Amino acid sequence: MKYIGFLFLLYLVAPGSTALNLSEGQTKDQDCSSYICESVRMILEHMVVMDERIKKLEDFSSQFKNFKNEFSYLKEIQNSANENLKINLIRLENRTTEVASDNAKFKEVVNRLQNDLKLQRESLKTQEEKYIKGLETLEKNLTTKEVNKTAEINKLSKRLDGLDTQIESQNKKTIAQEKELSEKMNKNIGLQKLEELTTKQLEMEKSMQKINETLKNVAYKKIGSKGYLIQETERRSWNDSRAFCMDLGGHLVSPQSQSELDALGKELKMDSHLYWMGVHDFSKEGEFVLDKTGQKAKFLKWRQNPDNYNNEDCVEFAYSGNQWGMNDNACSTRLNFVCERQLV
């Protein structure tokens, strides 16, 4: 616009110059001046158009910058949540390693006790075998020295009785130790710790689910009583748009009234933008249902009657004739779209 003043002065000066030349009888200069004035007028009109286009580009640039800032903020939140999850997973792995180490130590203690019991039994068995051999030797000697050895045999019998009592007592202790060891093994302290860790892991997963729900709510803009995510920077097919919304915990928009559609329309672009919505007639031609529930759509505001041209089974909406209206379109067509979600 800085050259407009200069061109306007040129426009004013040109006629005067023409009059001077006419007074001097120079008809050729008059034609040249008229051509210059017409050129200046055309340049001015072109510059006005260019100025309007520059303003529109500045508005678009500002909107894109705002969206980029919002996306960076969401990405920072997601990265922070991922870092926290990694830290918690590392802690869980460390704790699992500790529990595994405790279990290994517990198994070592159990094996040691079992080995001790085995050695005690072997020792008792060896002593019993020695006493049996002694008795057999005494019985052989009694054939020749029966009278003299009767007293000695009685003493040996008493010792054997005492040994039997000792062996019985030792067996009771061994059985008690085995019972105690069995009870400790049944309690399985290591498994209890693993169960506690599993519980903590479930709590962490629930916390992450809450964080994801919070992130999803941040992505949606509240309009009326619902949340909407307006995608105007890229175009997708109907199925891809549907999958995108589902990944963010929502579904393709399905306005239930004219007021709801108008309220949403205030946030959308009106210059020939088409937006996918969650309505289709896949099952029966001409019977349009809501993708979210599978029930027949109660609110349909057509801007032109659906004609199923080229197998058009999906519904989009746009601004036309000073109002928002719907139309059927081929599901493979790449359009902008709007996701809808009930905010928590």
Protein backbone atom coordinates (compact mmCIF):
# COMPACT_ATOMS: atom_id res chain seq x y z
CA MET A 1 0.00 0.00 0.00
CA LYS A 2 3.00 2.33 0.36
CA TYR A 3 2.96 3.07 -3.40
CA ILE A 4 -0.75 3.93 -3.60
CA GLY A 5 -0.21 7.62 -2.69
CA PHE A 6 2.42 8.00 -5.35
CA LEU A 7 0.24 6.38 -7.99
CA PHE A 8 -2.76 8.50 -6.94
CA LEU A 9 -0.70 11.73 -7.40
CA LEU A 10 0.37 10.44 -10.75
CA TYR A 11 -3.30 9.88 -11.58
CA LEU A 12 -4.11 13.54 -10.65
CA VAL A 13 -1.17 15.03 -12.45
CA ALA A 14 -1.77 13.15 -15.66
CA PRO A 15 -4.95 15.04 -16.70
CA GLY A 16 -3.25 18.43 -16.16
CA SER A 17 -0.40 17.36 -18.31
CA THR A 18 -2.88 16.32 -20.94
CA ALA A 19 -4.58 19.76 -20.92
CA LEU A 20 -1.21 21.48 -21.33
CA ASN A 21 -0.34 19.32 -24.25
CA LEU A 22 -3.74 19.87 -25.85
CA SER A 23 -3.23 23.59 -25.62
CA GLU A 24 -0.06 23.09 -27.51
CA GLY A 25 -1.90 20.96 -30.05
CA GLN A 26 -0.21 17.66 -29.24
CA THR A 27 -3.01 15.11 -29.74
CA LYS A 28 -0.60 12.22 -29.49
CA ASP A 29 0.31 13.15 -25.90
CA GLN A 30 -3.40 13.20 -24.95
CA ASP A 31 -3.77 9.55 -26.00
CA CYS A 32 -0.67 8.61 -24.04
CA SER A 33 -1.98 10.35 -20.89
CA SER A 34 -5.32 8.51 -21.15
CA TYR A 35 -3.46 5.22 -21.44
CA ILE A 36 -1.37 6.06 -18.35
CA CYS A 37 -4.47 6.94 -16.31
CA GLU A 38 -6.15 3.70 -17.30
CA SER A 39 -3.00 1.75 -16.39
CA VAL A 40 -2.78 3.47 -13.01
CA ARG A 41 -6.42 2.67 -12.30
CA MET A 42 -5.89 -1.00 -13.13
CA ILE A 43 -2.74 -1.13 -10.99
CA LEU A 44 -4.61 0.39 -8.05
CA GLU A 45 -7.42 -2.16 -8.36
CA HIS A 46 -4.89 -4.98 -8.56
CA MET A 47 -3.07 -3.69 -5.47
CA VAL A 48 -6.32 -3.53 -3.49
CA VAL A 49 -7.02 -7.17 -4.41
CA MET A 50 -3.45 -8.13 -3.47
CA ASP A 51 -3.78 -6.32 -0.13
CA GLU A 52 -6.93 -8.31 0.69
CA ARG A 53 -5.17 -11.53 -0.20
CA ILE A 54 -2.20 -10.59 2.03
CA LYS A 55 -4.57 -10.00 4.95
CA LYS A 56 -6.15 -13.42 4.41
CA LEU A 57 -2.69 -15.02 4.30
CA GLU A 58 -1.79 -13.28 7.56
CA ASP A 59 -4.99 -14.59 9.19
CA PHE A 60 -4.24 -18.12 7.96
CA SER A 61 -0.65 -17.83 9.26
CA SER A 62 -1.90 -16.73 12.69
CA GLN A 63 -4.36 -19.64 12.89
CA PHE A 64 -1.66 -22.10 11.85
CA LYS A 65 0.71 -20.70 14.48
CA ASN A 66 -1.94 -21.10 17.21
CA PHE A 67 -2.61 -24.70 16.17
CA LYS A 68 1.14 -25.39 16.10
CA ASN A 69 1.50 -24.04 19.66
CA GLU A 70 -1.40 -26.20 20.88
CA PHE A 71 0.10 -29.27 19.21
CA SER A 72 3.53 -28.55 20.81
CA TYR A 73 1.88 -28.25 24.22
CA LEU A 74 0.08 -31.60 23.79
CA LYS A 75 3.31 -33.19 22.60
CA GLU A 76 5.16 -31.93 25.69
CA ILE A 77 2.48 -33.41 27.95
CA GLN A 78 2.67 -36.74 26.09
CA ASN A 79 6.49 -36.79 26.32
CA SER A 80 6.33 -36.06 30.05
CA ALA A 81 3.82 -38.89 30.56
CA ASN A 82 6.05 -41.25 28.54
CA GLU A 83 9.09 -40.32 30.66
CA ASN A 84 7.15 -40.98 33.87
CA LEU A 85 6.02 -44.33 32.49
CA LYS A 86 9.62 -45.26 31.61
CA ILE A 87 10.79 -44.34 35.13
CA ASN A 88 8.01 -46.40 36.71
CA LEU A 89 8.79 -49.35 34.45
CA ILE A 90 12.48 -49.16 35.42
CA ARG A 91 11.51 -49.10 39.10
CA LEU A 92 9.23 -52.08 38.54
CA GLU A 93 12.01 -54.00 36.78
CA ASN A 94 14.44 -53.22 39.60
CA ARG A 95 11.92 -54.34 42.19
CA THR A 96 11.25 -57.54 40.22
CA THR A 97 14.99 -58.22 40.19
CA GLU A 98 15.10 -57.74 43.97
CA VAL A 99 12.21 -60.15 44.45
CA ALA A 100 13.90 -62.70 42.20
CA SER A 101 17.08 -62.34 44.27
CA ASP A 102 15.09 -62.82 47.51
CA ASN A 103 13.48 -65.94 46.04
CA ALA A 104 16.90 -67.32 45.10
CA LYS A 105 18.15 -66.77 48.65
CA PHE A 106 15.04 -68.41 50.05
CA LYS A 107 15.58 -71.42 47.82
CA GLU A 108 19.22 -71.63 48.99
CA VAL A 109 18.08 -71.73 52.65
CA VAL A 110 15.52 -74.45 51.84
CA ASN A 111 18.15 -76.51 50.00
CA ARG A 112 20.57 -76.11 52.92
CA LEU A 113 17.99 -77.33 55.42
CA GLN A 114 17.11 -80.27 53.22
CA ASN A 115 20.78 -81.21 52.94
CA ASP A 116 21.22 -80.95 56.74
CA LEU A 117 18.21 -83.23 57.29
CA LYS A 118 19.59 -85.69 54.77
CA LEU A 119 22.99 -85.76 56.51
CA GLN A 120 21.34 -86.29 59.92
CA ARG A 121 19.34 -89.22 58.58
CA GLU A 122 22.41 -90.76 57.01
CA SER A 123 24.32 -90.34 60.28
CA LEU A 124 21.54 -92.01 62.30
CA LYS A 125 21.36 -94.83 59.78
CA THR A 126 25.13 -95.38 60.03
CA GLN A 127 24.95 -95.53 63.85
CA GLU A 128 22.05 -97.97 63.70
CA GLU A 129 23.99 -100.23 61.34
CA LYS A 130 26.98 -100.19 63.69
CA TYR A 131 24.83 -101.19 66.68
CA ILE A 132 23.19 -103.98 64.68
CA LYS A 133 26.58 -105.31 63.70
CA GLY A 134 27.63 -105.14 67.36
CA LEU A 135 24.59 -107.14 68.40
CA GLU A 136 25.29 -109.78 65.78
CA THR A 137 28.87 -110.07 67.03
CA LEU A 138 27.70 -110.41 70.63
CA GLU A 139 25.19 -113.09 69.70
CA LYS A 140 27.97 -115.12 68.06
CA ASN A 141 30.16 -114.76 71.12
CA LEU A 142 27.30 -115.81 73.41
CA THR A 143 27.31 -119.32 71.96
CA THR A 144 30.62 -119.90 73.76
CA LYS A 145 30.38 -117.36 76.57
CA GLU A 146 26.62 -117.23 77.16
CA VAL A 147 26.76 -117.29 80.95
CA ASN A 148 29.50 -114.73 81.30
CA LYS A 149 28.00 -112.38 78.79
CA THR A 150 24.36 -112.35 79.95
CA ALA A 151 24.91 -109.26 82.07
CA GLU A 152 26.73 -107.57 79.20
CA ILE A 153 23.88 -108.41 76.82
CA ASN A 154 21.39 -106.87 79.22
CA LYS A 155 23.48 -103.73 79.37
CA LEU A 156 23.68 -103.65 75.59
CA SER A 157 19.90 -104.13 75.33
CA LYS A 158 19.39 -101.17 77.61
CA ARG A 159 21.72 -99.13 75.48
CA LEU A 160 19.81 -100.21 72.40
CA ASP A 161 16.55 -99.22 74.07
CA GLY A 162 18.04 -95.85 74.85
CA LEU A 163 19.27 -95.58 71.28
CA ASP A 164 15.79 -96.43 69.96
CA THR A 165 14.35 -93.71 72.18
CA GLN A 166 16.98 -91.29 70.89
CA ILE A 167 16.29 -92.26 67.27
CA GLU A 168 12.53 -91.86 67.83
CA SER A 169 13.08 -88.45 69.41
CA GLN A 170 15.34 -87.42 66.54
CA ASN A 171 12.75 -88.63 64.00
CA LYS A 172 10.07 -86.52 65.71
CA LYS A 173 12.35 -83.47 65.51
CA THR A 174 13.04 -84.24 61.85
CA ILE A 175 9.30 -84.54 61.09
CA ALA A 176 8.66 -81.27 62.93
CA GLN A 177 11.40 -79.55 60.94
CA GLU A 178 9.99 -80.92 57.68
CA LYS A 179 6.51 -79.69 58.64
CA GLU A 180 7.86 -76.24 59.48
CA LEU A 181 9.79 -76.15 56.20
CA SER A 182 6.67 -77.20 54.28
CA GLU A 183 4.61 -74.44 55.91
CA LYS A 184 7.23 -71.86 55.00
CA MET A 185 7.27 -73.10 51.42
CA ASN A 186 3.45 -72.98 51.26
CA LYS A 187 3.43 -69.38 52.44
CA ASN A 188 5.71 -68.54 49.53
CA ILE A 189 6.78 -65.11 50.66
CA GLY A 190 8.28 -64.34 47.25
CA LEU A 191 4.95 -64.85 45.49
CA GLN A 192 3.28 -62.46 47.92
CA LYS A 193 5.81 -59.81 47.01
CA LEU A 194 5.18 -60.46 43.32
CA GLU A 195 1.44 -60.09 43.92
CA GLU A 196 2.07 -56.74 45.63
CA LEU A 197 4.16 -55.61 42.66
CA THR A 198 1.44 -56.76 40.28
CA THR A 199 -1.08 -54.69 42.23
CA LYS A 200 1.18 -51.65 42.03
CA GLN A 201 1.60 -52.19 38.29
CA LEU A 202 -2.18 -52.25 37.84
CA GLU A 203 -2.44 -49.00 39.81
CA MET A 204 0.21 -47.46 37.55
CA GLU A 205 -1.71 -48.59 34.46
CA LYS A 206 -4.88 -46.99 35.84
CA SER A 207 -2.94 -43.76 36.44
CA MET A 208 -1.67 -43.84 32.85
CA GLN A 209 -5.22 -44.38 31.61
CA LYS A 210 -6.31 -41.28 33.56
CA ILE A 211 -3.42 -39.31 32.02
CA ASN A 212 -4.43 -40.49 28.52
CA GLU A 213 -8.05 -39.48 29.18
CA THR A 214 -6.83 -36.05 30.32
CA LEU A 215 -4.74 -35.66 27.15
CA LYS A 216 -7.70 -36.63 25.01
CA ASN A 217 -9.91 -34.05 26.77
CA VAL A 218 -7.24 -31.37 26.17
CA ALA A 219 -7.29 -32.15 22.43
CA TYR A 220 -11.04 -31.49 22.26
CA LYS A 221 -12.54 -27.99 22.33
CA LYS A 222 -15.74 -27.55 24.31
CA ILE A 223 -18.63 -26.21 22.23
CA GLY A 224 -21.95 -26.31 24.04
CA SER A 225 -22.15 -29.48 26.14
CA LYS A 226 -19.76 -31.57 23.99
CA GLY A 227 -16.12 -31.59 22.96
CA TYR A 228 -15.07 -31.27 19.31
CA LEU A 229 -11.76 -31.77 17.50
CA ILE A 230 -11.81 -29.92 14.18
CA GLN A 231 -9.33 -31.25 11.62
CA GLU A 232 -8.80 -28.68 8.87
CA THR A 233 -5.06 -29.08 8.21
CA GLU A 234 -5.30 -32.47 6.46
CA ARG A 235 -7.87 -34.48 4.52
CA ARG A 236 -8.69 -38.18 4.97
CA SER A 237 -11.16 -40.73 3.64
CA TRP A 238 -14.26 -41.44 5.73
CA ASN A 239 -12.84 -44.68 7.18
CA ASP A 240 -9.47 -43.06 8.02
CA SER A 241 -11.25 -40.10 9.63
CA ARG A 242 -13.38 -42.51 11.69
CA ALA A 243 -10.27 -44.42 12.86
CA PHE A 244 -8.51 -41.15 13.75
CA CYS A 245 -11.42 -40.07 15.99
CA MET A 246 -11.66 -43.50 17.65
CA ASP A 247 -7.93 -43.42 18.48
CA LEU A 248 -8.57 -40.18 20.36
CA GLY A 249 -11.52 -41.66 22.27
CA GLY A 250 -14.25 -40.08 20.18
CA HIS A 251 -16.27 -40.61 16.99
CA LEU A 252 -17.16 -38.66 13.85
CA VAL A 253 -19.50 -35.79 14.66
CA SER A 254 -23.25 -36.42 14.48
CA PRO A 255 -25.27 -33.25 15.26
CA GLN A 256 -28.67 -33.99 16.79
CA SER A 257 -30.34 -30.64 16.06
CA GLN A 258 -30.09 -27.52 13.91
CA SER A 259 -28.92 -25.46 16.90
CA GLU A 260 -26.13 -27.95 17.60
CA LEU A 261 -25.07 -27.86 13.94
CA ASP A 262 -25.13 -24.05 13.86
CA ALA A 263 -23.10 -23.80 17.10
CA LEU A 264 -20.46 -26.09 15.61
CA GLY A 265 -20.58 -24.22 12.29
CA LYS A 266 -19.45 -20.98 13.99
CA GLU A 267 -16.09 -22.67 14.63
CA LEU A 268 -15.68 -24.01 11.06
CA LYS A 269 -14.56 -22.50 7.77
CA MET A 270 -17.34 -21.56 5.38
CA ASP A 271 -15.27 -21.21 2.20
CA SER A 272 -16.03 -24.46 0.32
CA HIS A 273 -14.72 -26.74 3.10
CA LEU A 274 -16.39 -30.18 3.31
CA TYR A 275 -16.36 -32.12 6.60
CA TRP A 276 -17.04 -35.82 7.15
CA MET A 277 -19.66 -36.72 9.78
CA GLY A 278 -20.66 -40.00 11.44
CA VAL A 279 -23.65 -40.92 9.23
CA HIS A 280 -23.85 -43.51 6.41
CA ASP A 281 -26.20 -45.88 4.54
CA PHE A 282 -23.94 -48.95 4.23
CA SER A 283 -26.62 -51.50 5.13
CA LYS A 284 -29.54 -50.20 3.07
CA GLU A 285 -29.41 -47.58 0.38
CA GLY A 286 -31.20 -44.40 1.43
CA GLU A 287 -31.55 -45.46 5.09
CA PHE A 288 -29.00 -43.30 6.90
CA VAL A 289 -27.87 -44.41 10.37
CA LEU A 290 -25.54 -43.04 13.05
CA ASP A 291 -22.14 -44.73 12.97
CA LYS A 292 -21.84 -44.46 16.77
CA THR A 293 -25.07 -46.33 17.65
CA GLY A 294 -26.22 -47.99 14.42
CA GLN A 295 -29.64 -46.38 14.93
CA LYS A 296 -31.52 -44.39 12.31
CA ALA A 297 -30.40 -40.76 12.15
CA LYS A 298 -33.18 -38.47 13.44
CA PHE A 299 -31.62 -35.17 12.32
CA LEU A 300 -30.69 -34.84 8.64
CA LYS A 301 -30.42 -31.40 7.01
CA TRP A 302 -29.72 -31.93 3.30
CA ARG A 303 -28.33 -29.07 1.24
CA GLN A 304 -29.20 -31.25 -1.78
CA ASN A 305 -31.06 -34.54 -2.01
CA PRO A 306 -28.77 -37.60 -1.71
CA ASP A 307 -28.48 -39.24 -5.13
CA ASN A 308 -25.95 -42.05 -4.47
CA TYR A 309 -23.97 -40.83 -7.49
CA ASN A 310 -20.94 -43.09 -7.98
CA ASN A 311 -21.92 -45.24 -4.94
CA GLU A 312 -21.97 -42.42 -2.36
CA ASP A 313 -22.65 -44.05 1.04
CA CYS A 314 -21.02 -41.58 3.46
CA VAL A 315 -22.35 -38.17 4.58
CA GLU A 316 -20.46 -34.88 4.73
CA PHE A 317 -21.63 -31.36 5.58
CA ALA A 318 -20.64 -27.89 4.41
CA TYR A 319 -21.79 -24.26 4.36
CA SER A 320 -23.94 -23.43 1.35
CA GLY A 321 -26.75 -20.97 0.72
CA ASN A 322 -26.18 -19.11 4.01
CA GLN A 323 -26.65 -22.29 6.10
CA TRP A 324 -24.99 -25.56 6.99
CA GLY A 325 -26.28 -28.61 5.16
CA MET A 326 -25.49 -32.26 4.39
CA ASN A 327 -24.86 -34.34 1.28
CA ASP A 328 -23.84 -37.91 0.43
CA ASN A 329 -20.35 -38.44 -0.98
CA ALA A 330 -18.00 -41.28 -1.98
CA CYS A 331 -16.41 -42.69 1.19
CA SER A 332 -12.95 -42.76 -0.44
CA THR A 333 -12.99 -38.98 -1.01
CA ARG A 334 -10.40 -37.17 1.15
CA LEU A 335 -12.11 -34.41 3.15
CA ASN A 336 -11.66 -32.51 6.38
CA PHE A 337 -13.53 -33.93 9.36
CA VAL A 338 -14.75 -33.23 12.90
CA CYS A 339 -14.46 -35.61 15.89
CA GLU A 340 -16.95 -35.53 18.75
CA ARG A 341 -16.55 -36.70 22.37
CA GLN A 342 -18.36 -36.38 25.69
CA LEU A 343 -15.94 -34.50 27.96
CA VAL A 344 -15.19 -36.16 31.31
